[in-house]
Amino acid sequence: MKSAHAIRPALRLVEAGEASIPLDLDGVYRDYCRYVAAIILRLCGRRGALEDLIQDVFAEAASGLSSVRQPEAIRGWLATITVRVVRRHLRRQRLYRFLGFDSKVDYEKLADQACSPFDRVLLSRMYQILDELAVDDRMAFILHHVEGETIEVVAELSRVSRNTVKRRILRARIALEERLSDD
């Protein structure tokens, strides 16, 4: 019978000064699963897709983990993968919605239990409006205003210029302000 180490070998050794640190997918998953899940939940707004998207992120991470040169870069690297995976998912959902195959989502379940009823309704309405926006506008807005990322970080995660990120955020903010003021 093979040992657990033989079944799950370290994916690669990363040089950190004089020492080598094994980076294995299980350890990376344990350390960053909640972080990835939080990003997915805020970007996507759908709890039902959470487990599948986490798997997609770590499946993609498994194929590229050997390219990570510094262990402290893993968090940002996973965030970039997460943004890319969620973008693909949201675009697919948009197509399904267009074709009439997308199911109705109850965004009121997204809010924390401690939120007031008003905040629950507001958050639900905000995600409904975000569903109607261009995926890139939605993601830039959420990364900046919900996740609290700087324009520079959003640009890096989205792999676009800072000016493009600013335009996307502005379009999303204007749409939200217009639609929320109509209600």
Protein backbone atom coordinates (compact mmCIF):
# COMPACT_ATOMS: atom_id res chain seq x y z
CA MET A 1 0.00 0.00 0.00
CA LYS A 2 1.30 3.46 -0.87
CA SER A 3 1.86 6.04 1.81
CA ALA A 4 -0.18 9.24 1.84
CA HIS A 5 2.93 11.15 0.82
CA ALA A 6 3.39 8.94 -2.23
CA ILE A 7 -0.23 9.46 -3.22
CA ARG A 8 -0.14 13.24 -2.71
CA PRO A 9 3.40 14.34 -3.43
CA ALA A 10 4.41 17.98 -3.22
CA LEU A 11 3.80 19.61 -6.57
CA ARG A 12 7.12 21.42 -6.48
CA LEU A 13 9.70 22.88 -4.21
CA VAL A 14 9.93 26.64 -4.00
CA GLU A 15 13.27 28.12 -3.10
CA ALA A 16 12.98 30.54 -0.20
CA GLY A 17 16.47 31.77 0.54
CA GLU A 18 18.50 28.76 1.60
CA ALA A 19 15.52 26.53 2.43
CA SER A 20 13.00 24.79 0.22
CA ILE A 21 9.30 24.86 1.03
CA PRO A 22 7.05 22.21 -0.46
CA LEU A 23 3.91 23.64 -2.04
CA ASP A 24 1.24 20.99 -2.23
CA LEU A 25 -2.26 21.56 -3.54
CA ASP A 26 -3.88 20.22 -0.36
CA GLY A 27 -2.02 22.74 1.78
CA VAL A 28 -2.79 25.60 -0.57
CA TYR A 29 -6.44 24.54 -0.59
CA ARG A 30 -6.62 24.38 3.21
CA ASP A 31 -4.95 27.76 3.61
CA TYR A 32 -6.89 29.67 0.94
CA CYS A 33 -10.23 27.92 0.38
CA ARG A 34 -12.20 30.39 2.51
CA TYR A 35 -10.49 33.35 0.86
CA VAL A 36 -11.35 32.04 -2.62
CA ALA A 37 -14.92 31.25 -1.52
CA ALA A 38 -15.43 34.80 -0.21
CA ILE A 39 -14.28 36.32 -3.50
CA ILE A 40 -16.49 33.96 -5.50
CA LEU A 41 -19.54 34.64 -3.37
CA ARG A 42 -19.19 38.41 -3.66
CA LEU A 43 -18.44 38.39 -7.38
CA CYS A 44 -21.02 35.78 -8.32
CA GLY A 45 -23.69 36.34 -5.71
CA ARG A 46 -24.92 32.75 -5.98
CA ARG A 47 -24.34 30.26 -3.20
CA GLY A 48 -25.47 27.40 -5.43
CA ALA A 49 -22.45 27.82 -7.70
CA LEU A 50 -19.93 28.18 -4.88
CA GLU A 51 -18.66 24.60 -4.57
CA ASP A 52 -18.28 24.07 -8.31
CA LEU A 53 -16.43 27.36 -8.74
CA ILE A 54 -14.07 26.61 -5.85
CA GLN A 55 -13.26 23.30 -7.53
CA ASP A 56 -12.70 25.06 -10.85
CA VAL A 57 -10.33 27.57 -9.24
CA PHE A 58 -8.23 24.91 -7.55
CA ALA A 59 -8.25 22.66 -10.62
CA GLU A 60 -6.80 25.54 -12.60
CA ALA A 61 -4.42 26.33 -9.75
CA ALA A 62 -3.16 22.73 -9.72
CA SER A 63 -1.92 23.03 -13.27
CA GLY A 64 -0.04 26.25 -12.56
CA LEU A 65 1.13 25.87 -8.97
CA SER A 66 4.61 24.97 -10.14
CA SER A 67 4.93 28.45 -11.70
CA VAL A 68 4.59 30.23 -8.34
CA ARG A 69 8.05 31.40 -7.35
CA GLN A 70 7.26 33.00 -3.98
CA PRO A 71 4.90 31.47 -1.41
CA GLU A 72 3.66 34.94 -0.40
CA ALA A 73 2.42 35.45 -3.98
CA ILE A 74 -0.08 32.58 -3.76
CA ARG A 75 -2.92 34.74 -2.38
CA GLY A 76 -2.79 37.24 -5.25
CA TRP A 77 -2.23 34.48 -7.79
CA LEU A 78 -5.34 32.63 -6.54
CA ALA A 79 -7.33 35.88 -6.63
CA THR A 80 -6.39 36.32 -10.30
CA ILE A 81 -7.47 32.76 -11.09
CA THR A 82 -10.69 33.27 -9.14
CA VAL A 83 -11.55 36.42 -11.08
CA ARG A 84 -10.92 34.61 -14.36
CA VAL A 85 -13.03 31.58 -13.37
CA VAL A 86 -15.92 33.71 -12.09
CA ARG A 87 -15.82 35.88 -15.24
CA ARG A 88 -16.24 32.75 -17.40
CA HIS A 89 -19.05 31.54 -15.16
CA LEU A 90 -20.91 34.86 -15.23
CA ARG A 91 -20.64 35.05 -19.01
CA ARG A 92 -22.02 31.51 -19.26
CA GLN A 93 -24.86 32.42 -16.87
CA ARG A 94 -25.63 35.49 -18.98
CA LEU A 95 -25.93 33.27 -22.06
CA TYR A 96 -28.16 30.82 -20.17
CA ARG A 97 -30.35 33.72 -19.03
CA PHE A 98 -30.59 34.99 -22.62
CA LEU A 99 -31.62 31.52 -23.80
CA GLY A 100 -34.14 31.19 -20.95
CA PHE A 101 -32.31 28.38 -19.13
CA ASP A 102 -31.15 30.32 -16.07
CA SER A 103 -33.11 29.81 -12.86
CA LYS A 104 -34.30 32.66 -10.65
CA VAL A 105 -31.89 33.49 -7.86
CA ASP A 106 -32.92 34.61 -4.37
CA TYR A 107 -30.27 37.16 -3.52
CA GLU A 108 -31.83 37.85 -0.11
CA LYS A 109 -30.10 34.67 1.09
CA LEU A 110 -26.76 36.26 0.21
CA ALA A 111 -26.93 38.78 3.05
CA ASP A 112 -25.55 37.98 6.48
CA GLN A 113 -28.19 36.99 9.05
CA ALA A 114 -27.27 40.07 11.11
CA CYS A 115 -28.34 42.45 8.31
CA SER A 116 -31.49 44.48 8.73
CA PRO A 117 -34.46 43.71 6.46
CA PHE A 118 -33.77 46.96 4.60
CA ASP A 119 -30.14 45.97 3.96
CA ARG A 120 -31.25 42.52 2.76
CA VAL A 121 -33.61 44.05 0.22
CA LEU A 122 -31.01 46.60 -0.87
CA LEU A 123 -28.32 43.95 -1.34
CA SER A 124 -30.73 41.71 -3.23
CA ARG A 125 -31.76 44.57 -5.51
CA MET A 126 -28.12 45.56 -6.08
CA TYR A 127 -27.21 42.04 -7.25
CA GLN A 128 -30.28 41.91 -9.49
CA ILE A 129 -29.11 45.11 -11.17
CA LEU A 130 -25.52 43.85 -11.37
CA ASP A 131 -26.84 40.74 -13.17
CA GLU A 132 -28.01 43.00 -15.99
CA LEU A 133 -24.67 44.79 -16.43
CA ALA A 134 -21.73 43.76 -18.55
CA VAL A 135 -19.77 41.10 -16.67
CA ASP A 136 -16.54 43.14 -16.66
CA ASP A 137 -18.33 46.23 -15.28
CA ARG A 138 -19.94 44.15 -12.55
CA MET A 139 -16.67 42.52 -11.54
CA ALA A 140 -14.71 45.78 -11.47
CA PHE A 141 -17.41 47.41 -9.32
CA ILE A 142 -17.53 44.52 -6.85
CA LEU A 143 -13.77 44.14 -6.61
CA HIS A 144 -13.38 47.86 -5.92
CA HIS A 145 -16.44 48.74 -3.84
CA VAL A 146 -17.28 45.44 -2.13
CA GLU A 147 -13.88 43.74 -1.84
CA GLY A 148 -12.18 47.10 -1.21
CA GLU A 149 -9.42 46.57 -3.77
CA THR A 150 -7.59 49.56 -5.18
CA ILE A 151 -7.92 50.54 -8.83
CA GLU A 152 -4.39 49.22 -9.39
CA VAL A 153 -5.20 45.82 -7.90
CA VAL A 154 -8.46 45.54 -9.85
CA ALA A 155 -6.55 46.37 -13.03
CA GLU A 156 -3.97 43.71 -12.24
CA LEU A 157 -6.58 41.07 -11.39
CA SER A 158 -8.57 41.92 -14.53
CA ARG A 159 -5.47 42.29 -16.70
CA VAL A 160 -6.58 45.66 -18.09
CA SER A 161 -5.42 49.25 -17.67
CA ARG A 162 -6.36 51.44 -14.70
CA ASN A 163 -8.35 53.72 -17.01
CA THR A 164 -10.38 50.77 -18.27
CA VAL A 165 -11.13 49.75 -14.68
CA LYS A 166 -12.20 53.32 -13.84
CA ARG A 167 -14.58 53.38 -16.82
CA ARG A 168 -16.07 50.02 -15.85
CA ILE A 169 -16.60 51.07 -12.26
CA LEU A 170 -18.18 54.35 -13.34
CA ARG A 171 -20.60 52.60 -15.73
CA ALA A 172 -21.66 50.16 -13.01
CA ARG A 173 -22.05 52.91 -10.40
CA ILE A 174 -24.17 55.03 -12.75
CA ALA A 175 -26.38 52.05 -13.62
CA LEU A 176 -26.84 51.17 -9.96
CA GLU A 177 -27.63 54.76 -8.99
CA GLU A 178 -30.15 55.15 -11.81
CA ARG A 179 -31.89 51.83 -11.18
CA LEU A 180 -31.94 52.14 -7.41
CA SER A 181 -33.36 55.66 -7.60
CA ASP A 182 -36.14 54.37 -9.90
CA ASP A 183 -37.33 51.87 -7.27
